C-alpha atoms as a PDB file:
ATOM      1  CA  MET A   1      84.483 105.515 -16.671  1.00  0.00           C
ATOM      2  CA  LYS A   2      87.621 103.839 -15.264  1.00  0.00           C
ATOM      3  CA  LYS A   3      89.591 106.978 -15.805  1.00  0.00           C
ATOM      4  CA  LEU A   4      86.697 109.015 -13.933  1.00  0.00           C
ATOM      5  CA  LEU A   5      86.527 106.629 -11.099  1.00  0.00           C
ATOM      6  CA  ALA A   6      90.423 106.705 -10.800  1.00  0.00           C
ATOM      7  CA  GLY A   7      90.510 110.468 -10.980  1.00  0.00           C
ATOM      8  CA  GLY A   8      87.966 110.862  -8.361  1.00  0.00           C
ATOM      9  CA  THR A   9      89.615 108.388  -6.044  1.00  0.00           C
ATOM     10  CA  LEU A  10      92.918 110.695  -6.644  1.00  0.00           C
ATOM     11  CA  ALA A  11      90.772 113.437  -5.592  1.00  0.00           C
ATOM     12  CA  VAL A  12      89.300 111.874  -2.437  1.00  0.00           C
ATOM     13  CA  LEU A  13      92.422 110.587  -1.259  1.00  0.00           C
ATOM     14  CA  ALA A  14      94.183 114.091  -1.686  1.00  0.00           C
ATOM     15  CA  PHE A  15      91.511 115.559  -0.121  1.00  0.00           C
ATOM     16  CA  GLY A  16      91.739 113.206   2.843  1.00  0.00           C
ATOM     17  CA  GLY A  17      95.472 113.662   3.196  1.00  0.00           C
ATOM     18  CA  MET A  18      95.111 117.225   3.525  1.00  0.00           C
ATOM     19  CA  ILE A  19      92.298 116.841   6.149  1.00  0.00           C
ATOM     20  CA  ALA A  20      94.738 114.223   7.884  1.00  0.00           C
ATOM     21  CA  SER A  21      97.570 116.589   7.545  1.00  0.00           C
ATOM     22  CA  ALA A  22      95.836 119.479   8.725  1.00  0.00           C
ATOM     23  CA  ALA A  23      94.037 117.964  11.797  1.00  0.00           C
ATOM     24  CA  PRO A  24      97.102 117.616  13.943  1.00  0.00           C
ATOM     25  CA  ALA A  25      98.337 121.198  13.055  1.00  0.00           C
ATOM     26  CA  SER A  26      95.055 122.805  13.739  1.00  0.00           C
ATOM     27  CA  ALA A  27      94.955 120.588  16.986  1.00  0.00           C
ATOM     28  CA  HIS A  28      97.752 122.281  18.995  1.00  0.00           C
ATOM     29  CA  THR A  29      96.552 122.120  22.236  1.00  0.00           C
ATOM     30  CA  PRO A  30      98.066 124.313  25.370  1.00  0.00           C
ATOM     31  CA  ASN A  31      96.411 123.461  28.546  1.00  0.00           C
ATOM     32  CA  VAL A  32      97.610 125.294  31.396  1.00  0.00           C
ATOM     33  CA  SER A  33      96.188 125.301  35.058  1.00  0.00           C
ATOM     34  CA  ALA A  34      97.240 126.666  38.536  1.00  0.00           C
ATOM     35  CA  ASP A  35      95.929 126.525  41.924  1.00  0.00           C
ATOM     36  CA  CYS A  36      96.843 126.399  45.642  1.00  0.00           C
ATOM     37  CA  GLY A  37     100.549 124.896  45.577  1.00  0.00           C
ATOM     38  CA  PHE A  38     100.868 123.914  42.060  1.00  0.00           C
ATOM     39  CA  VAL A  39     101.148 124.859  38.249  1.00  0.00           C
ATOM     40  CA  ASP A  40     100.388 122.308  35.726  1.00  0.00           C
ATOM     41  CA  VAL A  41     101.194 122.370  32.034  1.00  0.00           C
ATOM     42  CA  ASN A  42     100.007 119.853  29.104  1.00  0.00           C
ATOM     43  CA  LEU A  43     100.917 120.577  25.796  1.00  0.00           C
ATOM     44  CA  GLU A  44      99.528 117.921  22.763  1.00  0.00           C
ATOM     45  CA  TYR A  45      99.634 117.751  19.074  1.00  0.00           C
ATOM     46  CA  TYR A  46     102.828 119.801  18.189  1.00  0.00           C
ATOM     47  CA  GLN A  47     105.280 118.767  15.679  1.00  0.00           C
ATOM     48  CA  GLN A  48     108.248 120.398  17.506  1.00  0.00           C
ATOM     49  CA  ALA A  49     108.280 123.213  19.856  1.00  0.00           C
ATOM     50  CA  LYS A  50     109.880 125.013  22.752  1.00  0.00           C
ATOM     51  CA  VAL A  51     108.146 125.550  26.147  1.00  0.00           C
ATOM     52  CA  THR A  52     109.172 127.913  28.986  1.00  0.00           C
ATOM     53  CA  VAL A  53     107.820 128.223  32.278  1.00  0.00           C
ATOM     54  CA  VAL A  54     108.491 131.050  34.740  1.00  0.00           C
ATOM     55  CA  ILE A  55     107.126 131.114  38.476  1.00  0.00           C
ATOM     56  CA  ASP A  56     107.556 134.113  40.809  1.00  0.00           C
ATOM     57  CA  GLY A  57     110.028 135.571  38.364  1.00  0.00           C
ATOM     58  CA  GLU A  58     112.301 132.294  38.271  1.00  0.00           C
ATOM     59  CA  THR A  59     112.640 130.268  35.117  1.00  0.00           C
ATOM     60  CA  VAL A  60     111.856 126.680  35.991  1.00  0.00           C
ATOM     61  CA  GLU A  61     111.500 125.263  32.695  1.00  0.00           C
ATOM     62  CA  ASP A  62     112.953 125.898  29.164  1.00  0.00           C
ATOM     63  CA  THR A  63     112.832 122.651  27.129  1.00  0.00           C
ATOM     64  CA  GLU A  64     112.116 121.687  23.386  1.00  0.00           C
ATOM     65  CA  PHE A  65     109.893 118.903  23.031  1.00  0.00           C
ATOM     66  CA  THR A  66     108.206 116.883  19.877  1.00  0.00           C
ATOM     67  CA  GLN A  67     104.443 115.940  20.131  1.00  0.00           C
ATOM     68  CA  SER A  68     103.540 116.646  23.448  1.00  0.00           C
ATOM     69  CA  PHE A  69     104.949 117.824  27.205  1.00  0.00           C
ATOM     70  CA  GLN A  70     103.303 117.319  30.585  1.00  0.00           C
ATOM     71  CA  ALA A  71     104.782 118.643  33.653  1.00  0.00           C
ATOM     72  CA  ARG A  72     103.592 119.711  37.167  1.00  0.00           C
ATOM     73  CA  TYR A  73     105.257 122.152  39.290  1.00  0.00           C
ATOM     74  CA  ASP A  74     104.090 121.977  42.942  1.00  0.00           C
ATOM     75  CA  GLY A  75     105.533 122.697  46.372  1.00  0.00           C
ATOM     76  CA  LEU A  76     104.523 126.386  46.040  1.00  0.00           C
ATOM     77  CA  ALA A  77     104.027 128.074  49.463  1.00  0.00           C
ATOM     78  CA  LEU A  78     100.241 128.279  50.521  1.00  0.00           C
ATOM     79  CA  ASP A  79     100.693 131.484  52.498  1.00  0.00           C
ATOM     80  CA  ALA A  80     102.086 133.544  49.906  1.00  0.00           C
ATOM     81  CA  ALA A  81     100.758 134.660  46.598  1.00  0.00           C
ATOM     82  CA  HIS A  82     102.463 133.456  43.253  1.00  0.00           C
ATOM     83  CA  GLU A  83     102.739 134.640  39.385  1.00  0.00           C
ATOM     84  CA  TRP A  84     103.485 132.337  36.825  1.00  0.00           C
ATOM     85  CA  THR A  85     103.983 132.479  32.960  1.00  0.00           C
ATOM     86  CA  VAL A  86     103.861 129.531  30.297  1.00  0.00           C
ATOM     87  CA  THR A  87     105.159 130.413  26.723  1.00  0.00           C
ATOM     88  CA  VAL A  88     105.021 127.879  23.668  1.00  0.00           C
ATOM     89  CA  ASP A  89     107.094 128.502  20.684  1.00  0.00           C
ATOM     90  CA  ALA A  90     105.985 126.132  17.951  1.00  0.00           C
ATOM     91  CA  TYR A  91     108.406 125.685  15.043  1.00  0.00           C
ATOM     92  CA  ASP A  92     105.789 124.894  12.495  1.00  0.00           C
ATOM     93  CA  GLU A  93     104.176 127.708  10.400  1.00  0.00           C
ATOM     94  CA  GLY A  94     106.041 130.519  11.756  1.00  0.00           C
ATOM     95  CA  ASP A  95     104.623 131.806  14.975  1.00  0.00           C
ATOM     96  CA  ARG A  96     100.882 130.760  13.972  1.00  0.00           C
ATOM     97  CA  TYR A  97     100.625 128.202  16.641  1.00  0.00           C
ATOM     98  CA  ASP A  98     102.949 130.216  19.411  1.00  0.00           C
ATOM     99  CA  SER A  99     101.057 130.852  22.691  1.00  0.00           C
ATOM    100  CA  ALA A 100     101.685 132.586  26.011  1.00  0.00           C
ATOM    101  CA  GLU A 101      99.495 132.214  29.098  1.00  0.00           C
ATOM    102  CA  SER A 102      99.823 133.598  32.779  1.00  0.00           C
ATOM    103  CA  GLY A 103      98.130 134.165  35.755  1.00  0.00           C
ATOM    104  CA  SER A 104      98.523 134.264  39.570  1.00  0.00           C
ATOM    105  CA  ILE A 105      97.681 132.169  42.490  1.00  0.00           C
ATOM    106  CA  GLY A 106      96.158 133.873  45.681  1.00  0.00           C
ATOM    107  CA  ILE A 107      97.164 133.210  49.160  1.00  0.00           C
ATOM    108  CA  CYS A 108      95.601 129.893  50.056  1.00  0.00           C
ATOM    109  CA  GLN A 109      96.464 129.627  53.779  1.00  0.00           C
ATOM    110  CA  THR A 110      96.811 132.535  56.729  1.00  0.00           C
ATOM    111  CA  PRO A 111     100.090 132.245  58.266  1.00  0.00           C
ATOM    112  CA  PRO A 112     100.209 131.880  61.933  1.00  0.00           C
ATOM    113  CA  PRO A 113     100.569 135.010  63.934  1.00  0.00           C
ATOM    114  CA  ALA A 114     104.362 136.013  64.373  1.00  0.00           C
ATOM    115  CA  GLU A 115     105.849 135.310  67.681  1.00  0.00           C
ATOM    116  CA  ILE A 116     106.544 138.760  69.523  1.00  0.00           C
ATOM    117  CA  VAL A 117     110.294 138.590  70.620  1.00  0.00           C
ATOM    118  CA  SER A 118     112.055 141.636  72.486  1.00  0.00           C
ATOM    119  CA  PRO A 119     115.970 142.444  71.877  1.00  0.00           C
ATOM    120  CA  VAL A 120     118.074 141.979  74.999  1.00  0.00           C
ATOM    121  CA  MET A 121     119.788 145.069  76.517  1.00  0.00           C
ATOM    122  CA  PRO A 122     123.456 144.741  76.691  1.00  0.00           C
ATOM    123  CA  GLU A 123     125.379 145.667  79.928  1.00  0.00           C
ATOM    124  CA  VAL A 124     126.296 149.381  79.827  1.00  0.00           C
ATOM    125  CA  VAL A 125     129.942 150.620  80.001  1.00  0.00           C
ATOM    126  CA  ALA A 126     131.247 153.753  81.797  1.00  0.00           C
ATOM    127  CA  GLY A 127     134.789 154.900  82.689  1.00  0.00           C
ATOM    128  CA  CYS A 128     137.427 157.089  81.483  1.00  0.00           C
ATOM    129  CA  ALA A 129     138.204 156.526  77.525  1.00  0.00           C
ATOM    130  CA  ALA A 130     135.012 154.026  77.384  1.00  0.00           C
ATOM    131  CA  SER A 131     133.950 153.102  73.992  1.00  0.00           C
ATOM    132  CA  LEU A 132     131.651 150.853  71.952  1.00  0.00           C
ATOM    133  CA  ASP A 133     134.241 148.327  71.646  1.00  0.00           C
ATOM    134  CA  ASP A 134     134.230 147.824  75.357  1.00  0.00           C
ATOM    135  CA  VAL A 135     130.367 146.764  75.005  1.00  0.00           C
ATOM    136  CA  ALA A 136     129.511 142.939  74.913  1.00  0.00           C
ATOM    137  CA  VAL A 137     127.119 142.284  72.031  1.00  0.00           C
ATOM    138  CA  PRO A 138     124.172 139.969  73.207  1.00  0.00           C
ATOM    139  CA  GLU A 139     124.426 136.462  71.954  1.00  0.00           C
ATOM    140  CA  SER A 140     122.356 135.884  69.023  1.00  0.00           C
ATOM    141  CA  THR A 141     119.073 133.658  69.164  1.00  0.00           C
ATOM    142  CA  GLU A 142     117.047 131.525  66.910  1.00  0.00           C
ATOM    143  CA  ALA A 143     114.706 134.826  66.802  1.00  0.00           C
ATOM    144  CA  ILE A 144     117.166 137.449  66.652  1.00  0.00           C
ATOM    145  CA  SER A 145     120.753 138.364  65.420  1.00  0.00           C
ATOM    146  CA  TYR A 146     122.871 140.969  67.058  1.00  0.00           C
ATOM    147  CA  THR A 147     125.736 142.926  65.242  1.00  0.00           C
ATOM    148  CA  LYS A 148     127.493 145.868  66.282  1.00  0.00           C
ATOM    149  CA  SER A 149     127.957 149.182  64.211  1.00  0.00           C
ATOM    150  CA  GLU A 150     129.137 152.657  64.448  1.00  0.00           C
ATOM    151  CA  ALA A 151     125.874 153.781  65.698  1.00  0.00           C
ATOM    152  CA  GLY A 152     125.274 151.025  68.346  1.00  0.00           C
ATOM    153  CA  ILE A 153     124.011 147.595  68.496  1.00  0.00           C
ATOM    154  CA  VAL A 154     121.731 146.417  65.651  1.00  0.00           C
ATOM    155  CA  ALA A 155     118.896 143.620  66.555  1.00  0.00           C
ATOM    156  CA  ALA A 156     117.655 141.963  63.250  1.00  0.00           C
ATOM    157  CA  LEU A 157     114.773 139.434  63.373  1.00  0.00           C
ATOM    158  CA  ASN A 158     116.007 135.885  61.516  1.00  0.00           C
ATOM    159  CA  SER A 159     112.493 135.167  59.634  1.00  0.00           C
ATOM    160  CA  ASP A 160     108.908 136.397  59.154  1.00  0.00           C
ATOM    161  CA  ALA A 161     107.590 133.936  62.099  1.00  0.00           C
ATOM    162  CA  TYR A 162     109.033 136.611  64.736  1.00  0.00           C
ATOM    163  CA  ALA A 163     108.160 140.235  65.301  1.00  0.00           C
ATOM    164  CA  PHE A 164     109.260 143.188  67.570  1.00  0.00           C
ATOM    165  CA  PRO A 165     106.900 144.685  70.176  1.00  0.00           C
ATOM    166  CA  GLU A 166     105.752 148.069  69.574  1.00  0.00           C
ATOM    167  CA  ASP A 167     107.456 149.219  72.656  1.00  0.00           C
ATOM    168  CA  LEU A 168     111.098 148.388  72.111  1.00  0.00           C
ATOM    169  CA  GLY A 169     112.606 150.164  75.161  1.00  0.00           C
ATOM    170  CA  ALA A 170     115.881 151.717  74.478  1.00  0.00           C
ATOM    171  CA  TYR A 171     116.178 150.266  71.018  1.00  0.00           C
ATOM    172  CA  GLN A 172     114.897 152.133  68.268  1.00  0.00           C
ATOM    173  CA  PRO A 173     112.932 150.717  65.265  1.00  0.00           C
ATOM    174  CA  GLN A 174     114.493 151.206  61.725  1.00  0.00           C
ATOM    175  CA  ALA A 175     113.159 151.530  58.231  1.00  0.00           C
ATOM    176  CA  ASP A 176     114.597 148.199  57.255  1.00  0.00           C
ATOM    177  CA  GLY A 177     113.088 146.558  60.045  1.00  0.00           C
ATOM    178  CA  THR A 178     115.749 146.327  62.277  1.00  0.00           C
ATOM    179  CA  ALA A 179     115.947 147.783  65.863  1.00  0.00           C
ATOM    180  CA  LEU A 180     119.094 150.088  66.742  1.00  0.00           C
ATOM    181  CA  LEU A 181     120.561 150.630  70.415  1.00  0.00           C
ATOM    182  CA  PRO A 182     122.249 153.929  70.007  1.00  0.00           C
ATOM    183  CA  VAL A 183     125.718 153.900  71.374  1.00  0.00           C
ATOM    184  CA  GLU A 184     125.145 156.944  73.584  1.00  0.00           C
ATOM    185  CA  LEU A 185     122.431 155.041  75.733  1.00  0.00           C
ATOM    186  CA  ILE A 186     125.249 152.243  76.475  1.00  0.00           C
ATOM    187  CA  VAL A 187     128.577 153.984  76.534  1.00  0.00           C
ATOM    188  CA  PHE A 188     129.306 156.623  79.047  1.00  0.00           C
ATOM    189  CA  GLU A 189     132.693 158.253  79.021  1.00  0.00           C
ATOM    190  CA  GLU A 190     133.936 159.898  82.127  1.00  0.00           C
ATOM    191  CA  GLU A 191     136.531 162.588  82.083  1.00  0.00           C
ATOM    192  CA  CYS A 192     140.010 161.329  82.926  1.00  0.00           C
ATOM    193  CA  GLU A 193     141.938 162.654  85.782  1.00  0.00           C
ATOM    194  CA  THR A 194     145.042 164.811  84.627  1.00  0.00           C
ATOM    195  CA  PRO A 195     148.233 163.818  86.461  1.00  0.00           C
ATOM    196  CA  ALA A 196     149.932 166.501  88.418  1.00  0.00           C
ATOM    197  CA  PRO A 197     152.714 168.236  86.283  1.00  0.00           C
ATOM    198  CA  THR A 198     156.348 167.351  87.371  1.00  0.00           C
ATOM    199  CA  GLU A 199     158.600 170.358  88.273  1.00  0.00           C
ATOM    200  CA  THR A 200     161.253 170.217  85.489  1.00  0.00           C
ATOM    201  CA  PRO A 201     164.837 171.392  87.360  1.00  0.00           C
ATOM    202  CA  ALA A 202     166.373 174.399  85.986  1.00  0.00           C
ATOM    203  CA  PRO A 203     169.444 173.772  83.975  1.00  0.00           C
ATOM    204  CA  THR A 204     172.492 174.165  85.577  1.00  0.00           C
ATOM    205  CA  GLU A 205     175.392 175.969  83.649  1.00  0.00           C
ATOM    206  CA  PRO A 206     178.358 173.729  83.096  1.00  0.00           C
ATOM    207  CA  PRO A 207     181.536 174.541  85.076  1.00  0.00           C
ATOM    208  CA  ALA A 208     184.157 176.833  83.648  1.00  0.00           C
ATOM    209  CA  GLU A 209     186.973 175.223  82.017  1.00  0.00           C
ATOM    210  CA  PRO A 210     190.154 175.631  83.504  1.00  0.00           C
ATOM    211  CA  THR A 211     192.606 177.750  81.749  1.00  0.00           C
ATOM    212  CA  ASP A 212     196.277 177.377  81.765  1.00  0.00           C
ATOM    213  CA  GLU A 213     197.022 181.141  81.839  1.00  0.00           C
ATOM    214  CA  PRO A 214     198.524 182.508  85.081  1.00  0.00           C
ATOM    215  CA  THR A 215     196.745 185.103  87.223  1.00  0.00           C
ATOM    216  CA  ASP A 216     198.177 188.297  88.391  1.00  0.00           C
ATOM    217  CA  GLU A 217     197.768 187.463  91.811  1.00  0.00           C
ATOM    218  CA  ALA A 218     198.989 184.185  93.538  1.00  0.00           C
ATOM    219  CA  SER A 219     196.792 182.425  95.404  1.00  0.00           C
ATOM    220  CA  VAL A 220     198.004 182.468  98.583  1.00  0.00           C
ATOM    221  CA  ALA A 221     196.170 180.741 101.844  1.00  0.00           C
ATOM    222  CA  PRO A 222     195.622 183.539 104.379  1.00  0.00           C
ATOM    223  CA  VAL A 223     198.011 182.854 107.699  1.00  0.00           C
ATOM    224  CA  ASP A 224     195.999 183.373 110.880  1.00  0.00           C
ATOM    225  CA  ASP A 225     198.919 185.355 113.045  1.00  0.00           C
ATOM    226  CA  GLU A 226     196.562 184.895 116.335  1.00  0.00           C
ATOM    227  CA  PRO A 227     196.644 181.778 118.524  1.00  0.00           C
ATOM    228  CA  SER A 228     193.845 179.531 118.626  1.00  0.00           C
ATOM    229  CA  ALA A 229     191.480 180.413 121.614  1.00  0.00           C
ATOM    230  CA  SER A 230     190.816 177.130 122.398  1.00  0.00           C
ATOM    231  CA  PRO A 231     193.703 174.574 121.129  1.00  0.00           C
ATOM    232  CA  SER A 232     192.903 171.115 121.071  1.00  0.00           C
ATOM    233  CA  PRO A 233     195.414 168.949 123.590  1.00  0.00           C
ATOM    234  CA  ALA A 234     197.365 166.498 122.208  1.00  0.00           C
ATOM    235  CA  GLY A 235     197.196 163.249 124.492  1.00  0.00           C
ATOM    236  CA  ASP A 236     198.638 163.960 128.051  1.00  0.00           C
ATOM    237  CA  GLU A 237     201.157 166.647 127.358  1.00  0.00           C
ATOM    238  CA  PRO A 238     200.236 170.051 128.281  1.00  0.00           C
ATOM    239  CA  PRO A 239     199.140 172.461 125.308  1.00  0.00           C
ATOM    240  CA  VAL A 240     202.208 174.535 123.887  1.00  0.00           C
ATOM    241  CA  LEU A 241     201.690 178.267 123.115  1.00  0.00           C
ATOM    242  CA  ALA A 242     202.142 179.100 119.674  1.00  0.00           C
ATOM    243  CA  ALA A 243     205.499 180.158 118.538  1.00  0.00           C
ATOM    244  CA  THR A 244     207.019 180.271 122.058  1.00  0.00           C
ATOM    245  CA  GLY A 245     207.391 176.636 123.022  1.00  0.00           C
ATOM    246  CA  ALA A 246     205.988 177.752 126.688  1.00  0.00           C
ATOM    247  CA  THR A 247     203.138 175.479 128.149  1.00  0.00           C
ATOM    248  CA  VAL A 248     200.022 176.772 129.242  1.00  0.00           C
ATOM    249  CA  GLY A 249     200.756 176.091 133.094  1.00  0.00           C
ATOM    250  CA  GLY A 250     204.018 178.216 132.706  1.00  0.00           C
ATOM    251  CA  ALA A 251     202.432 181.163 131.218  1.00  0.00           C
ATOM    252  CA  ILE A 252     199.917 181.147 134.076  1.00  0.00           C
ATOM    253  CA  ALA A 253     202.394 181.173 136.715  1.00  0.00           C
ATOM    254  CA  PHE A 254     204.566 183.753 135.070  1.00  0.00           C
ATOM    255  CA  ALA A 255     201.433 185.901 134.954  1.00  0.00           C
ATOM    256  CA  ALA A 256     200.677 185.366 138.352  1.00  0.00           C
ATOM    257  CA  LEU A 257     204.341 186.404 139.608  1.00  0.00           C
ATOM    258  CA  LEU A 258     204.047 189.535 137.717  1.00  0.00           C
ATOM    259  CA  ALA A 259     200.778 190.351 139.213  1.00  0.00           C
ATOM    260  CA  ALA A 260     202.309 189.650 142.733  1.00  0.00           C
ATOM    261  CA  GLY A 261     205.228 192.034 141.916  1.00  0.00           C
ATOM    262  CA  GLY A 262     202.990 194.767 141.014  1.00  0.00           C
ATOM    263  CA  ILE A 263     201.067 194.642 143.832  1.00  0.00           C
ATOM    264  CA  ALA A 264     203.904 194.656 146.000  1.00  0.00           C
ATOM    265  CA  LEU A 265     205.090 197.576 144.243  1.00  0.00           C
ATOM    266  CA  VAL A 266     202.259 199.568 144.795  1.00  0.00           C
ATOM    267  CA  TRP A 267     201.953 198.759 148.677  1.00  0.00           C
ATOM    268  CA  ALA A 268     205.642 199.882 149.034  1.00  0.00           C
ATOM    269  CA  ARG A 269     205.101 203.110 147.323  1.00  0.00           C
ATOM    270  CA  LYS A 270     202.048 203.911 149.481  1.00  0.00           C
ATOM    271  CA  ARG A 271     204.101 203.465 152.701  1.00  0.00           C
ATOM    272  CA  MET A 272     206.791 205.422 151.399  1.00  0.00           C
ATOM    273  CA  GLN A 273     204.427 208.106 150.763  1.00  0.00           C
ATOM    274  CA  ASN A 274     202.855 207.706 154.343  1.00  0.00           C
ATOM    275  CA  ALA A 275     205.949 207.847 155.996  1.00  0.00           C
END
């Protein structure tokens, strides 16, 4: 009888031990909840496991734990939607108690309407050889940043809190959300004046080099045999006839004497003929 009771007691204890050991194993409890602004993770009754939490494609938790794990991930933007995934890898009995849960959180708060801002028009430049380098880029503000590219001036919004108007004026909307001011609308290149060509003097021939060879005819300066018609007087002295030594006054007196003699001779002949 005692042996029977002892055997029954052992069987009960063994069965109780099996139930006790199986209870925690079967009680793996992955609790995950998510709502506006947060994701809450509560894991209980694990001997040893690893949890990985991913929110909006970013891993925010990758941790091993024993028995239990609790964490809350809040601060999620209320004006945007979110995606989350919680994966549990239990190390006991293979992958029997592994789990993976995922979900999404919708937009909980409507964002305020964007402020309409218009890009600034820079000062136009014009002139000979004008280029985009001569254009001053507008100063960037809290709403719009300005940069210069080969195509012109680019205006970009700094955040979703701002928006461009439908009518951008000279700016043109781009596929990436920026606005472009084409270079041809702000740079006007004028034709440069061509300077008058300067006359280039004709090249002169260099002078002939003198030769030491004698010429057949000697270079003789011509001699003027005739006296000068208007000799220049030298001081107070009367001019002297060339090659005679006679003065001009003596020559005149002598010529007058000859003329008087000729006249007298003619008159004497006429009287002789009349007589």
